[in-house]
C-alpha cells in the first residue's frame, strides 16, 4: 500500500523516536561494575594532576558508587563482584599513592627549610654576649671553689667514714655483685 509522503514522514519520525528511547534506556542500564570500572579508568588517566578539590569530588563520586555497590552486592555475579573489588583496589591504590606523594612533598618542604633555620640560629648567636656569660660562670665557679673550707669538709668526711661499718658495707656490695653476675 502506498503511503503519502506526509505519513512516511510521521513513520520515520516515530521510528527514530523509538530508537532514541531504546538507546537512552540501554544507556541508563549500565551495570555498577561497569560504571565503577569507567570511573576508576578515568581517575587513573587524570589523578596525577588532581587538585585537592578534584580529589574531594572524586571521593564523593567513589563513595556514592561504593554505597550503591554495598546495597546490591548480593545480586552481582561472581565475575561482577571480582571486577568491583579490583576496581576498588585500584582506586584505593591511587588514593594512597597520592597521599604518600603529598606527605613526601610536605617532608621535602620541611627538610629544605632546615638549613635556612640553622643558618638563622647561627646568625642570631651573639658570641660576645656568650663569651661574657661563660666568663661570668667561670668566675662564679672559681669564687665558689675558693670559698670552700676544704679542711672542714675533710673533717666531716672523716667523721662520716669513721661511723660507717666498712666491713659490713663491703660484704653487702660483694653479695650484690654476685647476684648481678648470676651466682
N, C-alpha and C. Protein backbone atom coordinates (compact mmCIF):
# COMPACT_ATOMS: atom_id res chain seq x y z
N UNK A 1 0.84 -1.17 0.00
CA UNK A 1 0.00 0.00 0.00
C UNK A 1 0.89 1.23 0.00
N UNK A 2 0.53 2.13 -0.80
CA UNK A 2 1.29 3.35 -0.97
C UNK A 2 0.87 4.36 0.09
N UNK A 3 1.90 4.93 0.79
CA UNK A 3 1.60 5.95 1.80
C UNK A 3 1.95 7.30 1.26
N UNK A 4 1.23 8.23 1.71
CA UNK A 4 1.51 9.59 1.30
C UNK A 4 2.81 10.03 1.98
N UNK A 5 3.54 10.95 1.34
CA UNK A 5 4.79 11.43 1.92
C UNK A 5 4.62 11.95 3.34
N UNK A 6 3.50 12.56 3.65
CA UNK A 6 3.27 13.09 4.99
C UNK A 6 3.25 11.95 5.99
N UNK A 7 2.61 10.81 5.66
CA UNK A 7 2.54 9.65 6.54
C UNK A 7 3.91 9.02 6.71
N UNK A 8 4.72 8.99 5.65
CA UNK A 8 6.06 8.42 5.72
C UNK A 8 6.94 9.25 6.66
N UNK A 9 6.72 10.52 6.60
CA UNK A 9 7.49 11.40 7.47
C UNK A 9 7.17 11.11 8.93
N UNK A 10 5.89 10.90 9.24
CA UNK A 10 5.47 10.57 10.60
C UNK A 10 6.03 9.22 11.02
N UNK A 11 6.01 8.26 10.12
CA UNK A 11 6.51 6.92 10.42
C UNK A 11 8.01 6.97 10.68
N UNK A 12 8.71 7.71 9.86
CA UNK A 12 10.17 7.83 10.03
C UNK A 12 10.49 8.51 11.36
N UNK A 13 9.77 9.57 11.69
CA UNK A 13 9.99 10.25 12.97
C UNK A 13 9.66 9.34 14.14
N UNK A 14 8.59 8.60 14.02
CA UNK A 14 8.21 7.67 15.09
C UNK A 14 9.27 6.60 15.27
N UNK A 15 9.82 6.10 14.18
CA UNK A 15 10.87 5.08 14.24
C UNK A 15 12.13 5.64 14.89
N UNK A 16 12.51 6.84 14.48
CA UNK A 16 13.69 7.49 15.07
C UNK A 16 13.48 7.73 16.56
N UNK A 17 12.29 8.17 16.95
CA UNK A 17 11.98 8.41 18.35
C UNK A 17 12.07 7.11 19.15
N UNK A 18 11.53 6.03 18.62
CA UNK A 18 11.58 4.73 19.29
C UNK A 18 13.03 4.28 19.46
N UNK A 19 13.85 4.47 18.43
CA UNK A 19 15.27 4.09 18.50
C UNK A 19 15.99 4.91 19.58
N UNK A 20 15.64 6.20 19.64
CA UNK A 20 16.23 7.06 20.65
C UNK A 20 15.85 6.61 22.05
N UNK A 21 14.58 6.31 22.25
CA UNK A 21 14.11 5.85 23.57
C UNK A 21 14.83 4.56 23.96
N UNK A 22 14.96 3.63 23.01
CA UNK A 22 15.64 2.36 23.30
C UNK A 22 17.11 2.62 23.63
N UNK A 23 17.76 3.50 22.88
CA UNK A 23 19.17 3.82 23.13
C UNK A 23 19.36 4.43 24.50
N UNK A 24 18.50 5.37 24.85
CA UNK A 24 18.59 6.01 26.17
C UNK A 24 18.33 4.99 27.26
N UNK A 25 17.35 4.13 27.03
CA UNK A 25 17.04 3.09 28.01
C UNK A 25 18.21 2.16 28.22
N UNK A 26 18.89 1.80 27.16
CA UNK A 26 20.05 0.92 27.26
C UNK A 26 21.21 1.63 27.95
N UNK A 27 21.37 2.91 27.67
CA UNK A 27 22.48 3.67 28.24
C UNK A 27 22.33 3.82 29.74
N UNK A 28 21.12 3.90 30.23
CA UNK A 28 20.90 4.10 31.65
C UNK A 28 20.97 2.78 32.43
N UNK A 29 21.08 1.67 31.73
CA UNK A 29 21.13 0.40 32.45
C UNK A 29 22.55 -0.17 32.51
N UNK A 30 23.56 0.69 32.41
CA UNK A 30 24.94 0.25 32.54
C UNK A 30 25.12 -0.24 33.98
N UNK A 31 25.68 -1.41 34.12
CA UNK A 31 25.81 -2.01 35.46
C UNK A 31 26.79 -1.22 36.33
N UNK A 32 26.62 -1.37 37.63
CA UNK A 32 27.51 -0.67 38.56
C UNK A 32 28.96 -1.10 38.37
N UNK A 33 29.26 -2.40 38.22
CA UNK A 33 30.66 -2.75 37.98
C UNK A 33 31.23 -2.04 36.75
N UNK A 34 30.43 -1.90 35.70
CA UNK A 34 30.90 -1.19 34.51
C UNK A 34 31.12 0.29 34.82
N UNK A 35 30.19 0.90 35.53
CA UNK A 35 30.34 2.33 35.88
C UNK A 35 31.54 2.54 36.80
N UNK A 36 31.73 1.63 37.74
CA UNK A 36 32.87 1.73 38.66
C UNK A 36 34.18 1.58 37.89
N UNK A 37 34.22 0.62 36.96
CA UNK A 37 35.41 0.44 36.12
C UNK A 37 35.71 1.71 35.33
N UNK A 38 34.69 2.30 34.71
CA UNK A 38 34.89 3.50 33.91
C UNK A 38 35.35 4.67 34.79
N UNK A 39 34.78 4.77 35.97
CA UNK A 39 35.17 5.81 36.91
C UNK A 39 36.65 5.66 37.28
N UNK A 40 37.06 4.43 37.61
CA UNK A 40 38.45 4.19 38.01
C UNK A 40 39.39 4.43 36.83
N UNK A 41 39.02 3.99 35.65
CA UNK A 41 39.85 4.22 34.46
C UNK A 41 40.04 5.72 34.21
N UNK A 42 38.96 6.47 34.33
CA UNK A 42 39.04 7.93 34.14
C UNK A 42 39.97 8.54 35.20
N UNK A 43 39.82 8.08 36.43
CA UNK A 43 40.66 8.60 37.52
C UNK A 43 42.12 8.25 37.28
N UNK A 44 42.39 7.03 36.81
CA UNK A 44 43.77 6.61 36.54
C UNK A 44 44.43 7.52 35.51
N UNK A 45 43.67 7.98 34.55
CA UNK A 45 44.22 8.83 33.49
C UNK A 45 44.50 10.25 34.00
N UNK A 46 43.74 10.71 35.00
CA UNK A 46 43.79 12.12 35.37
C UNK A 46 44.33 12.43 36.76
N UNK A 47 44.40 11.43 37.65
CA UNK A 47 44.63 11.72 39.07
C UNK A 47 45.97 12.41 39.38
N UNK A 48 46.96 12.23 38.54
CA UNK A 48 48.26 12.84 38.83
C UNK A 48 48.20 14.36 38.77
N UNK A 49 47.18 14.89 38.11
CA UNK A 49 47.01 16.34 38.01
C UNK A 49 45.89 16.86 38.91
N UNK A 50 45.34 16.00 39.77
CA UNK A 50 44.22 16.40 40.62
C UNK A 50 44.65 17.43 41.66
N UNK A 51 43.76 18.38 41.88
CA UNK A 51 43.90 19.31 42.98
C UNK A 51 43.16 18.70 44.17
N UNK A 52 43.24 19.34 45.30
CA UNK A 52 42.51 18.85 46.48
C UNK A 52 41.01 18.84 46.21
N UNK A 53 40.53 19.87 45.49
CA UNK A 53 39.11 19.94 45.13
C UNK A 53 38.72 18.78 44.21
N UNK A 54 39.60 18.46 43.26
CA UNK A 54 39.34 17.32 42.36
C UNK A 54 39.23 16.03 43.16
N UNK A 55 40.13 15.86 44.14
CA UNK A 55 40.08 14.64 44.96
C UNK A 55 38.78 14.58 45.77
N UNK A 56 38.33 15.72 46.27
CA UNK A 56 37.09 15.74 47.04
C UNK A 56 35.92 15.29 46.17
N UNK A 57 35.85 15.80 44.95
CA UNK A 57 34.78 15.40 44.02
C UNK A 57 34.89 13.92 43.69
N UNK A 58 36.11 13.48 43.44
CA UNK A 58 36.35 12.08 43.09
C UNK A 58 35.93 11.17 44.24
N UNK A 59 36.30 11.54 45.45
CA UNK A 59 35.94 10.70 46.62
C UNK A 59 34.44 10.66 46.82
N UNK A 60 33.77 11.79 46.59
CA UNK A 60 32.31 11.82 46.73
C UNK A 60 31.66 10.88 45.72
N UNK A 61 32.11 10.92 44.48
CA UNK A 61 31.57 10.03 43.46
C UNK A 61 31.88 8.58 43.79
N UNK A 62 33.10 8.34 44.24
CA UNK A 62 33.51 6.98 44.63
C UNK A 62 32.65 6.46 45.78
N UNK A 63 32.47 7.30 46.80
CA UNK A 63 31.66 6.90 47.95
C UNK A 63 30.23 6.55 47.54
N UNK A 64 29.66 7.31 46.60
CA UNK A 64 28.30 7.03 46.11
C UNK A 64 28.27 5.69 45.38
N UNK A 65 29.29 5.42 44.56
CA UNK A 65 29.34 4.15 43.84
C UNK A 65 29.51 2.97 44.82
N UNK A 66 30.35 3.14 45.82
CA UNK A 66 30.56 2.07 46.81
C UNK A 66 29.29 1.84 47.62
N UNK A 67 28.59 2.90 47.98
CA UNK A 67 27.34 2.76 48.72
C UNK A 67 26.32 1.97 47.89
N UNK A 68 26.23 2.30 46.60
CA UNK A 68 25.33 1.57 45.71
C UNK A 68 25.77 0.12 45.59
N UNK A 69 27.06 -0.11 45.52
CA UNK A 69 27.58 -1.47 45.42
C UNK A 69 27.20 -2.29 46.65
N UNK A 70 27.33 -1.68 47.82
CA UNK A 70 27.00 -2.39 49.06
C UNK A 70 25.53 -2.78 49.10
N UNK A 71 24.67 -1.90 48.59
CA UNK A 71 23.23 -2.18 48.59
C UNK A 71 22.89 -3.37 47.69
N UNK A 72 23.59 -3.51 46.59
CA UNK A 72 23.24 -4.52 45.58
C UNK A 72 24.25 -5.66 45.47
N UNK A 73 25.18 -5.74 46.37
CA UNK A 73 26.29 -6.67 46.25
C UNK A 73 25.82 -8.13 46.08
N UNK A 74 24.82 -8.52 46.82
CA UNK A 74 24.35 -9.91 46.75
C UNK A 74 23.76 -10.27 45.40
N UNK A 75 23.33 -9.27 44.65
CA UNK A 75 22.71 -9.54 43.34
C UNK A 75 23.75 -9.68 42.22
N UNK A 76 25.01 -9.39 42.50
CA UNK A 76 26.04 -9.46 41.47
C UNK A 76 26.51 -10.89 41.26
N UNK A 77 26.95 -11.14 40.05
CA UNK A 77 27.56 -12.44 39.75
C UNK A 77 28.96 -12.44 40.37
N UNK A 78 29.56 -13.61 40.44
CA UNK A 78 30.91 -13.71 40.98
C UNK A 78 31.87 -12.85 40.17
N UNK A 79 31.72 -12.86 38.87
CA UNK A 79 32.57 -12.06 37.99
C UNK A 79 32.41 -10.58 38.29
N UNK A 80 31.18 -10.13 38.49
CA UNK A 80 30.94 -8.71 38.79
C UNK A 80 31.53 -8.34 40.15
N UNK A 81 31.41 -9.25 41.11
CA UNK A 81 31.98 -8.98 42.44
C UNK A 81 33.50 -8.85 42.34
N UNK A 82 34.14 -9.73 41.58
CA UNK A 82 35.59 -9.67 41.42
C UNK A 82 35.99 -8.37 40.74
N UNK A 83 35.31 -7.99 39.67
CA UNK A 83 35.61 -6.74 38.96
C UNK A 83 35.44 -5.53 39.88
N UNK A 84 34.38 -5.58 40.68
CA UNK A 84 34.10 -4.47 41.60
C UNK A 84 35.22 -4.35 42.63
N UNK A 85 35.64 -5.47 43.20
CA UNK A 85 36.70 -5.44 44.21
C UNK A 85 38.03 -5.01 43.59
N UNK A 86 38.29 -5.41 42.37
CA UNK A 86 39.51 -4.99 41.68
C UNK A 86 39.50 -3.48 41.45
N UNK A 87 38.36 -2.95 41.03
CA UNK A 87 38.25 -1.51 40.79
C UNK A 87 38.45 -0.74 42.10
N UNK A 88 37.86 -1.24 43.17
CA UNK A 88 38.02 -0.60 44.48
C UNK A 88 39.49 -0.63 44.89
N UNK A 89 40.16 -1.75 44.67
CA UNK A 89 41.58 -1.85 44.99
C UNK A 89 42.43 -0.88 44.19
N UNK A 90 42.14 -0.76 42.90
CA UNK A 90 42.88 0.16 42.04
C UNK A 90 42.69 1.60 42.50
N UNK A 91 41.44 1.95 42.83
CA UNK A 91 41.16 3.32 43.28
C UNK A 91 41.88 3.59 44.61
N UNK A 92 41.78 2.64 45.53
CA UNK A 92 42.43 2.81 46.84
C UNK A 92 43.94 2.99 46.68
N UNK A 93 44.52 2.27 45.75
CA UNK A 93 45.96 2.39 45.49
C UNK A 93 46.29 3.79 44.99
N UNK A 94 45.45 4.33 44.11
CA UNK A 94 45.69 5.70 43.62
C UNK A 94 45.60 6.72 44.76
N UNK A 95 44.58 6.56 45.61
CA UNK A 95 44.41 7.49 46.72
C UNK A 95 45.62 7.41 47.65
N UNK A 96 46.04 6.19 47.98
CA UNK A 96 47.19 6.02 48.86
C UNK A 96 48.44 6.62 48.23
N UNK A 97 48.65 6.37 46.95
CA UNK A 97 49.81 6.94 46.27
C UNK A 97 49.80 8.45 46.30
N UNK A 98 48.64 9.03 46.11
CA UNK A 98 48.53 10.48 46.14
C UNK A 98 48.83 11.02 47.54
N UNK A 99 48.32 10.34 48.56
CA UNK A 99 48.56 10.77 49.95
C UNK A 99 50.05 10.67 50.29
N UNK A 100 50.69 9.58 49.86
CA UNK A 100 52.12 9.41 50.12
C UNK A 100 52.90 10.50 49.41
N UNK A 101 52.51 10.79 48.18
CA UNK A 101 53.19 11.85 47.42
C UNK A 101 53.04 13.20 48.12
N UNK A 102 51.84 13.49 48.61
CA UNK A 102 51.62 14.75 49.31
C UNK A 102 52.45 14.81 50.59
N UNK A 103 52.51 13.68 51.32
CA UNK A 103 53.30 13.64 52.55
C UNK A 103 54.78 13.82 52.23
N UNK A 104 55.25 13.18 51.16
CA UNK A 104 56.65 13.32 50.75
C UNK A 104 56.96 14.77 50.41
N UNK A 105 56.04 15.42 49.72
CA UNK A 105 56.23 16.83 49.37
C UNK A 105 56.35 17.68 50.63
N UNK A 106 55.48 17.40 51.61
CA UNK A 106 55.49 18.17 52.86
C UNK A 106 56.80 17.95 53.61
N UNK A 107 57.25 16.70 53.68
CA UNK A 107 58.51 16.41 54.36
C UNK A 107 59.66 17.09 53.62
N UNK A 108 59.62 17.03 52.29
CA UNK A 108 60.65 17.70 51.49
C UNK A 108 60.70 19.19 51.76
N UNK A 109 59.53 19.81 51.87
CA UNK A 109 59.48 21.25 52.16
C UNK A 109 60.12 21.55 53.52
N UNK A 110 59.81 20.70 54.52
CA UNK A 110 60.38 20.91 55.86
C UNK A 110 61.90 20.73 55.81
N UNK A 111 62.35 19.68 55.13
CA UNK A 111 63.80 19.42 55.05
C UNK A 111 64.53 20.55 54.35
N UNK A 112 63.89 21.15 53.35
CA UNK A 112 64.52 22.26 52.66
C UNK A 112 64.66 23.49 53.56
N UNK A 113 63.80 23.61 54.55
CA UNK A 113 63.83 24.76 55.44
C UNK A 113 64.85 24.60 56.57
N UNK A 114 65.31 23.38 56.82
CA UNK A 114 66.24 23.13 57.94
C UNK A 114 67.53 23.94 57.80
N UNK A 115 68.21 23.91 56.65
CA UNK A 115 69.46 24.71 56.57
C UNK A 115 69.22 26.20 56.82
N UNK A 116 68.13 26.71 56.28
CA UNK A 116 67.82 28.13 56.47
C UNK A 116 67.59 28.42 57.95
N UNK A 117 66.89 27.53 58.62
CA UNK A 117 66.62 27.70 60.05
C UNK A 117 67.92 27.66 60.85
N UNK A 118 68.77 26.66 60.55
CA UNK A 118 70.05 26.55 61.26
C UNK A 118 70.91 27.79 61.02
N UNK A 119 70.97 28.24 59.77
CA UNK A 119 71.74 29.45 59.47
C UNK A 119 71.18 30.65 60.21
N UNK A 120 69.87 30.73 60.34
CA UNK A 120 69.26 31.81 61.10
C UNK A 120 69.67 31.77 62.56
N UNK A 121 69.69 30.57 63.13
CA UNK A 121 70.10 30.42 64.53
C UNK A 121 71.57 30.81 64.68
N UNK A 122 72.40 30.34 63.74
CA UNK A 122 73.83 30.67 63.79
C UNK A 122 74.03 32.18 63.74
N UNK A 123 73.30 32.83 62.85
CA UNK A 123 73.43 34.29 62.72
C UNK A 123 72.94 35.02 63.96
N UNK A 124 71.99 34.42 64.68
CA UNK A 124 71.43 35.07 65.87
C UNK A 124 72.30 34.89 67.11
N UNK A 125 73.29 34.01 67.06
CA UNK A 125 74.15 33.78 68.23
C UNK A 125 75.05 35.00 68.42
N UNK A 126 74.95 35.57 69.59
CA UNK A 126 75.76 36.74 69.94
C UNK A 126 76.98 36.22 70.69
N UNK A 127 78.09 36.04 69.96
CA UNK A 127 79.27 35.42 70.57
C UNK A 127 79.86 36.29 71.67
N UNK A 128 79.79 37.61 71.53
CA UNK A 128 80.33 38.49 72.57
C UNK A 128 79.54 38.30 73.86
N UNK A 129 78.24 38.24 73.73
CA UNK A 129 77.39 38.06 74.91
C UNK A 129 77.62 36.67 75.52
N UNK A 130 77.76 35.68 74.65
CA UNK A 130 78.02 34.31 75.12
C UNK A 130 79.35 34.25 75.86
N UNK A 131 80.37 34.92 75.31
CA UNK A 131 81.69 34.95 75.96
C UNK A 131 81.58 35.57 77.35
N UNK A 132 80.82 36.66 77.48
CA UNK A 132 80.63 37.31 78.78
C UNK A 132 79.94 36.36 79.76
N UNK A 133 78.93 35.63 79.25
CA UNK A 133 78.21 34.69 80.12
C UNK A 133 79.13 33.58 80.61
N UNK A 134 79.95 33.03 79.71
CA UNK A 134 80.88 31.97 80.09
C UNK A 134 81.90 32.49 81.10
N UNK A 135 82.41 33.70 80.86
CA UNK A 135 83.35 34.31 81.81
C UNK A 135 82.70 34.46 83.18
N UNK A 136 81.46 34.90 83.19
CA UNK A 136 80.75 35.07 84.46
C UNK A 136 80.58 33.75 85.20
N UNK A 137 80.23 32.71 84.46
CA UNK A 137 80.07 31.38 85.08
C UNK A 137 81.42 30.91 85.62
N UNK A 138 82.48 31.09 84.83
CA UNK A 138 83.82 30.67 85.24
C UNK A 138 84.23 31.39 86.52
N UNK A 139 84.03 32.71 86.55
CA UNK A 139 84.39 33.49 87.74
C UNK A 139 83.56 33.05 88.95
N UNK A 140 82.30 32.75 88.71
CA UNK A 140 81.45 32.29 89.81
C UNK A 140 81.93 30.97 90.38
N UNK A 141 82.31 30.04 89.51
CA UNK A 141 82.80 28.73 89.97
C UNK A 141 84.11 28.90 90.73
N UNK A 142 85.02 29.75 90.20
CA UNK A 142 86.29 29.98 90.89
C UNK A 142 86.05 30.57 92.27
N UNK A 143 85.13 31.50 92.36
CA UNK A 143 84.82 32.09 93.67
C UNK A 143 84.23 31.07 94.62
N UNK A 144 83.39 30.19 94.08
CA UNK A 144 82.79 29.14 94.90
C UNK A 144 83.86 28.19 95.41
N UNK A 145 84.78 27.79 94.54
CA UNK A 145 85.85 26.87 94.92
C UNK A 145 86.74 27.51 95.99
N UNK A 146 87.04 28.79 95.81
CA UNK A 146 87.89 29.49 96.78
C UNK A 146 87.21 29.61 98.15
N UNK A 147 85.92 29.67 98.17
CA UNK A 147 85.21 29.85 99.44
C UNK A 147 84.99 28.54 100.19
N UNK A 148 85.33 27.43 99.57
CA UNK A 148 85.14 26.13 100.21
C UNK A 148 86.24 25.93 101.25
N UNK A 149 85.82 25.57 102.43
CA UNK A 149 86.76 25.28 103.52
C UNK A 149 87.07 23.79 103.45
N UNK A 150 88.14 23.46 102.74
CA UNK A 150 88.46 22.05 102.49
C UNK A 150 88.81 21.30 103.77
N UNK A 151 89.42 21.99 104.73
CA UNK A 151 89.77 21.33 105.99
C UNK A 151 88.51 20.89 106.71
N UNK A 152 87.51 21.73 106.69
CA UNK A 152 86.24 21.41 107.37
C UNK A 152 85.54 20.25 106.65
N UNK A 153 85.56 20.25 105.32
CA UNK A 153 84.93 19.17 104.56
C UNK A 153 85.65 17.85 104.82
N UNK A 154 87.01 17.90 104.84
CA UNK A 154 87.80 16.70 105.10
C UNK A 154 87.44 16.12 106.46
N UNK A 155 87.32 16.99 107.45
CA UNK A 155 87.00 16.55 108.81
C UNK A 155 85.61 15.91 108.84
N UNK A 156 84.64 16.49 108.10
CA UNK A 156 83.28 15.95 108.04
C UNK A 156 83.28 14.58 107.39
N UNK A 157 84.04 14.44 106.31
CA UNK A 157 84.09 13.15 105.61
C UNK A 157 84.73 12.09 106.49
N UNK A 158 85.79 12.46 107.22
CA UNK A 158 86.45 11.50 108.13
C UNK A 158 85.49 11.06 109.21
N UNK A 159 84.69 11.98 109.69
CA UNK A 159 83.71 11.67 110.73
C UNK A 159 82.66 10.69 110.20
N UNK A 160 82.23 10.91 108.97
CA UNK A 160 81.24 10.03 108.37
C UNK A 160 81.81 8.64 108.18
N UNK A 161 83.02 8.57 107.64
CA UNK A 161 83.61 7.26 107.35
C UNK A 161 83.95 6.49 108.61
N UNK A 162 84.25 7.20 109.70
CA UNK A 162 84.53 6.51 110.97
C UNK A 162 83.28 5.82 111.49
N UNK A 163 82.12 6.37 111.21
CA UNK A 163 80.87 5.82 111.72
C UNK A 163 80.25 4.77 110.80
N UNK A 164 80.83 4.52 109.63
CA UNK A 164 80.30 3.52 108.70
C UNK A 164 81.01 2.21 108.94
N UNK A 165 80.24 1.14 109.04
CA UNK A 165 80.79 -0.21 109.21
C UNK A 165 81.25 -0.67 107.82
N UNK A 166 82.49 -0.37 107.47
CA UNK A 166 83.00 -0.66 106.13
C UNK A 166 83.07 -2.14 105.84
N UNK A 167 83.32 -2.95 106.84
CA UNK A 167 83.37 -4.40 106.62
C UNK A 167 82.00 -4.91 106.18
N UNK A 168 80.97 -4.44 106.85
CA UNK A 168 79.61 -4.85 106.50
C UNK A 168 79.21 -4.30 105.13
N UNK A 169 79.61 -3.06 104.84
CA UNK A 169 79.33 -2.45 103.54
C UNK A 169 79.99 -3.26 102.42
N UNK A 170 81.26 -3.63 102.62
CA UNK A 170 81.98 -4.43 101.63
C UNK A 170 81.27 -5.76 101.41
N UNK A 171 80.82 -6.39 102.51
CA UNK A 171 80.12 -7.68 102.42
C UNK A 171 78.84 -7.54 101.59
N UNK A 172 78.07 -6.48 101.81
CA UNK A 172 76.81 -6.26 101.07
C UNK A 172 77.09 -5.98 99.59
N UNK A 173 78.11 -5.21 99.30
CA UNK A 173 78.46 -4.90 97.91
C UNK A 173 78.88 -6.17 97.18
N UNK A 174 79.67 -7.01 97.85
CA UNK A 174 80.08 -8.28 97.23
C UNK A 174 78.88 -9.17 96.96
N UNK A 175 77.90 -9.20 97.88
CA UNK A 175 76.69 -10.01 97.70
C UNK A 175 75.88 -9.49 96.51
N UNK A 176 75.80 -8.18 96.38
CA UNK A 176 75.07 -7.57 95.24
C UNK A 176 75.75 -7.91 93.93
N UNK A 177 77.07 -7.83 93.89
CA UNK A 177 77.82 -8.15 92.67
C UNK A 177 77.57 -9.61 92.27
N UNK A 178 77.59 -10.51 93.25
CA UNK A 178 77.33 -11.94 92.95
C UNK A 178 75.93 -12.14 92.38
N UNK A 179 74.94 -11.43 92.93
CA UNK A 179 73.57 -11.54 92.44
C UNK A 179 73.51 -11.04 90.98
N UNK A 180 74.14 -9.91 90.71
CA UNK A 180 74.13 -9.35 89.37
C UNK A 180 74.88 -10.22 88.38
N UNK A 181 75.88 -10.94 88.83
CA UNK A 181 76.62 -11.84 87.95
C UNK A 181 75.91 -13.18 87.79
N UNK A 182 74.84 -13.39 88.52
CA UNK A 182 74.03 -14.59 88.36
C UNK A 182 74.48 -15.76 89.24
N UNK A 183 75.21 -15.50 90.26
CA UNK A 183 75.65 -16.58 91.15
C UNK A 183 74.68 -16.81 92.27
